[in-house]
Amino acid sequence: MTFTLPFPPPEMSPNTRKHWRRVADVKKAYKADCAWTLFQTPVPQIEPGKRIPIIITITPPDNRRRDRDNLQASCKYALDEFARHLGVDDYLFDPTYRFDAPVKGGLLSIEVGA
């Protein structure tokens, strides 16, 4: 099962130089966007306490060069909200990251049980 979430805003990068209060507002709004997107999708059956293999495909909104480890860190709030949606601890995720060609607006895809 694949879930599609919005691409993280640039302010969520660990290298951002914005005021902490502004970043906190952006993170809160992004987490709410992810929650609303996930609210509209069914929850797959997850075996309690078992490791969950997931493939995270990061599709940026443009051709700018981005540091891959910063992109992974930017996905933290999306993964937190995804874990909440599934009703599991995100500690159980075994993530694999993929990076795709840019599409307008960007997106983040999470495939469960891959």
N, C-alpha and C. Protein backbone atom coordinates (compact mmCIF):
# COMPACT_ATOMS: atom_id res chain seq x y z
N MET A 1 0.85 -1.17 0.00
CA MET A 1 0.00 0.00 0.00
C MET A 1 0.90 1.24 0.00
N THR A 2 0.58 2.21 -0.84
CA THR A 2 1.39 3.42 -0.96
C THR A 2 0.60 4.64 -0.51
N PHE A 3 1.25 5.47 0.28
CA PHE A 3 0.68 6.72 0.78
C PHE A 3 1.45 7.88 0.17
N THR A 4 0.75 8.90 -0.29
CA THR A 4 1.39 10.07 -0.88
C THR A 4 1.15 11.27 0.02
N LEU A 5 2.24 11.92 0.40
CA LEU A 5 2.19 13.08 1.28
C LEU A 5 2.81 14.29 0.60
N PRO A 6 2.51 15.49 1.09
CA PRO A 6 3.13 16.68 0.51
C PRO A 6 4.64 16.71 0.77
N PHE A 7 5.36 17.36 -0.14
CA PHE A 7 6.81 17.53 0.02
C PHE A 7 7.08 18.48 1.18
N PRO A 8 8.09 18.20 2.03
CA PRO A 8 8.38 19.07 3.17
C PRO A 8 8.81 20.48 2.71
N PRO A 9 8.33 21.51 3.40
CA PRO A 9 8.74 22.88 3.06
C PRO A 9 10.24 23.09 3.32
N PRO A 10 10.86 24.04 2.61
CA PRO A 10 12.30 24.27 2.77
C PRO A 10 12.71 24.66 4.19
N GLU A 11 11.81 25.27 4.93
CA GLU A 11 12.13 25.68 6.31
C GLU A 11 12.38 24.49 7.23
N MET A 12 11.99 23.29 6.81
CA MET A 12 12.19 22.11 7.65
C MET A 12 13.56 21.49 7.48
N SER A 13 14.36 22.02 6.58
CA SER A 13 15.72 21.51 6.41
C SER A 13 16.54 21.81 7.66
N PRO A 14 17.39 20.89 8.07
CA PRO A 14 18.25 21.15 9.23
C PRO A 14 19.20 22.34 9.01
N ASN A 15 19.41 22.72 7.76
CA ASN A 15 20.31 23.84 7.47
C ASN A 15 19.60 25.19 7.40
N THR A 16 18.32 25.23 7.70
CA THR A 16 17.59 26.49 7.61
C THR A 16 18.13 27.52 8.60
N ARG A 17 18.06 28.76 8.21
CA ARG A 17 18.56 29.84 9.07
C ARG A 17 17.43 30.77 9.49
N LYS A 18 16.25 30.20 9.67
CA LYS A 18 15.07 30.97 10.09
C LYS A 18 14.97 30.96 11.61
N HIS A 19 14.21 31.91 12.13
CA HIS A 19 13.95 31.98 13.57
C HIS A 19 13.19 30.73 14.01
N TRP A 20 13.52 30.20 15.18
CA TRP A 20 12.94 28.96 15.66
C TRP A 20 11.42 29.01 15.72
N ARG A 21 10.86 30.18 16.02
CA ARG A 21 9.40 30.30 16.13
C ARG A 21 8.74 30.13 14.77
N ARG A 22 9.33 30.72 13.75
CA ARG A 22 8.82 30.59 12.38
C ARG A 22 8.89 29.13 11.93
N VAL A 23 10.00 28.48 12.24
CA VAL A 23 10.17 27.08 11.86
C VAL A 23 9.16 26.20 12.60
N ALA A 24 8.90 26.49 13.85
CA ALA A 24 7.93 25.72 14.62
C ALA A 24 6.54 25.82 14.00
N ASP A 25 6.17 27.01 13.54
CA ASP A 25 4.86 27.18 12.89
C ASP A 25 4.79 26.39 11.59
N VAL A 26 5.86 26.40 10.82
CA VAL A 26 5.91 25.66 9.56
C VAL A 26 5.80 24.15 9.83
N LYS A 27 6.52 23.67 10.83
CA LYS A 27 6.47 22.25 11.17
C LYS A 27 5.07 21.83 11.60
N LYS A 28 4.44 22.66 12.40
CA LYS A 28 3.09 22.37 12.87
C LYS A 28 2.11 22.32 11.70
N ALA A 29 2.23 23.26 10.78
CA ALA A 29 1.34 23.30 9.61
C ALA A 29 1.59 22.09 8.70
N TYR A 30 2.85 21.72 8.51
CA TYR A 30 3.17 20.58 7.66
C TYR A 30 2.64 19.28 8.28
N LYS A 31 2.79 19.14 9.58
CA LYS A 31 2.29 17.96 10.26
C LYS A 31 0.77 17.86 10.12
N ALA A 32 0.09 19.01 10.21
CA ALA A 32 -1.37 19.03 10.04
C ALA A 32 -1.75 18.66 8.61
N ASP A 33 -0.98 19.13 7.62
CA ASP A 33 -1.24 18.76 6.22
C ASP A 33 -1.11 17.25 6.02
N CYS A 34 -0.06 16.68 6.60
CA CYS A 34 0.15 15.24 6.51
C CYS A 34 -0.98 14.48 7.20
N ALA A 35 -1.40 14.96 8.36
CA ALA A 35 -2.48 14.30 9.11
C ALA A 35 -3.77 14.31 8.29
N TRP A 36 -4.08 15.44 7.66
CA TRP A 36 -5.30 15.53 6.87
C TRP A 36 -5.23 14.59 5.66
N THR A 37 -4.09 14.54 5.01
CA THR A 37 -3.92 13.65 3.86
C THR A 37 -4.08 12.20 4.27
N LEU A 38 -3.48 11.83 5.39
CA LEU A 38 -3.56 10.45 5.87
C LEU A 38 -4.94 10.10 6.40
N PHE A 39 -5.64 11.08 6.93
CA PHE A 39 -6.99 10.87 7.46
C PHE A 39 -7.91 10.30 6.38
N GLN A 40 -7.64 10.66 5.15
CA GLN A 40 -8.49 10.27 4.03
C GLN A 40 -8.12 8.90 3.45
N THR A 41 -7.15 8.22 4.06
CA THR A 41 -6.70 6.92 3.55
C THR A 41 -6.96 5.82 4.58
N PRO A 42 -7.23 4.61 4.12
CA PRO A 42 -7.45 3.51 5.06
C PRO A 42 -6.15 3.10 5.75
N VAL A 43 -6.28 2.54 6.93
CA VAL A 43 -5.13 2.09 7.70
C VAL A 43 -4.90 0.60 7.41
N PRO A 44 -3.69 0.25 6.94
CA PRO A 44 -3.42 -1.17 6.69
C PRO A 44 -3.25 -1.94 8.00
N GLN A 45 -3.45 -3.25 7.93
CA GLN A 45 -3.25 -4.11 9.09
C GLN A 45 -1.76 -4.23 9.36
N ILE A 46 -1.36 -3.89 10.58
CA ILE A 46 0.03 -3.98 11.00
C ILE A 46 0.11 -4.92 12.19
N GLU A 47 1.00 -5.90 12.11
CA GLU A 47 1.18 -6.83 13.23
C GLU A 47 1.87 -6.10 14.38
N PRO A 48 1.29 -6.08 15.58
CA PRO A 48 1.86 -5.35 16.70
C PRO A 48 3.29 -5.79 17.04
N GLY A 49 4.17 -4.81 17.24
CA GLY A 49 5.53 -5.06 17.66
C GLY A 49 6.48 -5.56 16.58
N LYS A 50 5.96 -5.81 15.38
CA LYS A 50 6.80 -6.33 14.30
C LYS A 50 7.41 -5.16 13.52
N ARG A 51 8.65 -5.35 13.04
CA ARG A 51 9.33 -4.34 12.23
C ARG A 51 8.52 -4.09 10.96
N ILE A 52 8.50 -2.83 10.51
CA ILE A 52 7.70 -2.44 9.35
C ILE A 52 8.62 -1.93 8.25
N PRO A 53 8.82 -2.72 7.19
CA PRO A 53 9.65 -2.22 6.09
C PRO A 53 8.87 -1.19 5.28
N ILE A 54 9.48 -0.03 5.06
CA ILE A 54 8.85 1.01 4.26
C ILE A 54 9.86 1.54 3.24
N ILE A 55 9.35 1.92 2.09
CA ILE A 55 10.17 2.59 1.08
C ILE A 55 9.66 4.01 0.97
N ILE A 56 10.55 4.96 1.22
CA ILE A 56 10.21 6.38 1.16
C ILE A 56 10.82 6.94 -0.12
N THR A 57 9.95 7.40 -1.01
CA THR A 57 10.41 7.98 -2.26
C THR A 57 10.25 9.49 -2.17
N ILE A 58 11.37 10.18 -2.25
CA ILE A 58 11.38 11.64 -2.17
C ILE A 58 11.45 12.20 -3.58
N THR A 59 10.43 12.96 -3.94
CA THR A 59 10.35 13.56 -5.27
C THR A 59 10.35 15.07 -5.09
N PRO A 60 11.46 15.74 -5.36
CA PRO A 60 11.56 17.19 -5.12
C PRO A 60 10.71 17.99 -6.12
N PRO A 61 10.43 19.26 -5.78
CA PRO A 61 9.59 20.09 -6.65
C PRO A 61 10.35 20.73 -7.82
N ASP A 62 11.68 20.68 -7.81
CA ASP A 62 12.45 21.31 -8.88
C ASP A 62 13.82 20.65 -8.99
N ASN A 63 14.64 21.15 -9.90
CA ASN A 63 15.95 20.54 -10.16
C ASN A 63 17.08 21.06 -9.27
N ARG A 64 16.79 21.85 -8.26
CA ARG A 64 17.86 22.34 -7.39
C ARG A 64 18.57 21.17 -6.73
N ARG A 65 19.87 21.36 -6.54
CA ARG A 65 20.64 20.34 -5.84
C ARG A 65 20.30 20.39 -4.36
N ARG A 66 20.04 19.22 -3.81
CA ARG A 66 19.70 19.13 -2.39
C ARG A 66 20.57 18.06 -1.75
N ASP A 67 20.93 18.30 -0.51
CA ASP A 67 21.71 17.34 0.26
C ASP A 67 20.77 16.22 0.69
N ARG A 68 21.07 15.00 0.31
CA ARG A 68 20.15 13.88 0.55
C ARG A 68 19.89 13.62 2.03
N ASP A 69 20.91 13.74 2.86
CA ASP A 69 20.66 13.48 4.29
C ASP A 69 19.79 14.57 4.90
N ASN A 70 19.85 15.79 4.39
CA ASN A 70 18.96 16.85 4.87
C ASN A 70 17.52 16.59 4.40
N LEU A 71 17.36 16.05 3.20
CA LEU A 71 16.02 15.69 2.74
C LEU A 71 15.42 14.61 3.63
N GLN A 72 16.23 13.64 4.01
CA GLN A 72 15.75 12.59 4.89
C GLN A 72 15.33 13.17 6.24
N ALA A 73 16.13 14.09 6.77
CA ALA A 73 15.80 14.71 8.05
C ALA A 73 14.54 15.57 7.94
N SER A 74 14.32 16.17 6.78
CA SER A 74 13.13 17.00 6.56
C SER A 74 11.85 16.17 6.60
N CYS A 75 11.98 14.88 6.40
CA CYS A 75 10.80 13.99 6.37
C CYS A 75 10.37 13.54 7.76
N LYS A 76 11.05 13.95 8.79
CA LYS A 76 10.78 13.49 10.15
C LYS A 76 9.33 13.66 10.56
N TYR A 77 8.77 14.84 10.34
CA TYR A 77 7.41 15.10 10.80
C TYR A 77 6.38 14.32 9.98
N ALA A 78 6.67 14.08 8.71
CA ALA A 78 5.78 13.25 7.90
C ALA A 78 5.78 11.81 8.44
N LEU A 79 6.97 11.30 8.78
CA LEU A 79 7.05 9.94 9.31
C LEU A 79 6.42 9.83 10.69
N ASP A 80 6.58 10.86 11.51
CA ASP A 80 5.92 10.86 12.82
C ASP A 80 4.40 10.78 12.66
N GLU A 81 3.88 11.57 11.75
CA GLU A 81 2.43 11.59 11.53
C GLU A 81 1.97 10.27 10.90
N PHE A 82 2.80 9.72 10.03
CA PHE A 82 2.48 8.42 9.42
C PHE A 82 2.42 7.33 10.50
N ALA A 83 3.36 7.32 11.41
CA ALA A 83 3.36 6.34 12.51
C ALA A 83 2.12 6.51 13.38
N ARG A 84 1.74 7.76 13.64
CA ARG A 84 0.53 8.01 14.44
C ARG A 84 -0.70 7.47 13.71
N HIS A 85 -0.74 7.67 12.40
CA HIS A 85 -1.86 7.19 11.59
C HIS A 85 -1.97 5.66 11.66
N LEU A 86 -0.82 4.98 11.62
CA LEU A 86 -0.81 3.52 11.68
C LEU A 86 -1.03 3.00 13.10
N GLY A 87 -0.82 3.87 14.09
CA GLY A 87 -0.95 3.45 15.48
C GLY A 87 0.24 2.66 15.97
N VAL A 88 1.44 3.00 15.46
CA VAL A 88 2.66 2.30 15.86
C VAL A 88 3.72 3.32 16.27
N ASP A 89 4.78 2.81 16.88
CA ASP A 89 5.93 3.64 17.21
C ASP A 89 6.83 3.69 15.98
N ASP A 90 7.29 4.88 15.61
CA ASP A 90 8.12 4.98 14.40
C ASP A 90 9.47 4.27 14.55
N TYR A 91 9.78 3.85 15.74
CA TYR A 91 10.97 3.03 15.98
C TYR A 91 10.91 1.73 15.19
N LEU A 92 9.70 1.26 14.91
CA LEU A 92 9.51 -0.01 14.21
C LEU A 92 9.76 0.08 12.71
N PHE A 93 9.88 1.28 12.17
CA PHE A 93 10.10 1.43 10.73
C PHE A 93 11.52 0.99 10.34
N ASP A 94 11.60 0.25 9.24
CA ASP A 94 12.87 -0.08 8.59
C ASP A 94 12.85 0.64 7.24
N PRO A 95 13.28 1.92 7.22
CA PRO A 95 13.13 2.70 5.99
C PRO A 95 14.22 2.47 4.96
N THR A 96 13.82 2.55 3.72
CA THR A 96 14.72 2.60 2.58
C THR A 96 14.33 3.87 1.83
N TYR A 97 15.32 4.67 1.48
CA TYR A 97 15.05 5.93 0.80
C TYR A 97 15.38 5.84 -0.68
N ARG A 98 14.49 6.40 -1.49
CA ARG A 98 14.72 6.53 -2.92
C ARG A 98 14.53 8.00 -3.29
N PHE A 99 15.23 8.41 -4.31
CA PHE A 99 15.12 9.79 -4.77
C PHE A 99 14.70 9.76 -6.24
N ASP A 100 13.61 10.44 -6.53
CA ASP A 100 13.03 10.40 -7.86
C ASP A 100 13.23 11.73 -8.59
N ALA A 101 12.93 11.74 -9.88
CA ALA A 101 13.03 12.95 -10.69
C ALA A 101 12.00 13.97 -10.22
N PRO A 102 12.30 15.26 -10.34
CA PRO A 102 11.39 16.29 -9.87
C PRO A 102 10.03 16.30 -10.58
N VAL A 103 9.01 16.65 -9.81
CA VAL A 103 7.67 16.92 -10.35
C VAL A 103 7.19 18.22 -9.72
N LYS A 104 6.32 18.93 -10.41
CA LYS A 104 5.83 20.20 -9.90
C LYS A 104 5.16 20.02 -8.54
N GLY A 105 5.59 20.81 -7.57
CA GLY A 105 5.06 20.73 -6.21
C GLY A 105 5.77 19.73 -5.32
N GLY A 106 6.40 18.72 -5.92
CA GLY A 106 7.09 17.70 -5.14
C GLY A 106 6.13 16.82 -4.37
N LEU A 107 6.61 15.70 -3.91
CA LEU A 107 5.80 14.81 -3.08
C LEU A 107 6.67 13.82 -2.35
N LEU A 108 6.06 13.17 -1.41
CA LEU A 108 6.72 12.17 -0.59
C LEU A 108 5.82 10.95 -0.61
N SER A 109 6.35 9.82 -1.07
CA SER A 109 5.56 8.58 -1.13
C SER A 109 6.12 7.59 -0.13
N ILE A 110 5.23 6.93 0.59
CA ILE A 110 5.63 5.91 1.56
C ILE A 110 4.92 4.62 1.19
N GLU A 111 5.71 3.61 0.89
CA GLU A 111 5.17 2.30 0.53
C GLU A 111 5.39 1.35 1.71
N VAL A 112 4.33 0.75 2.20
CA VAL A 112 4.41 -0.12 3.36
C VAL A 112 4.51 -1.58 2.92
N GLY A 113 5.37 -2.32 3.62
CA GLY A 113 5.48 -3.74 3.38
C GLY A 113 6.18 -4.10 2.09
N ALA A 114 7.09 -3.22 1.68
CA ALA A 114 7.78 -3.47 0.41
C ALA A 114 8.89 -4.46 0.56
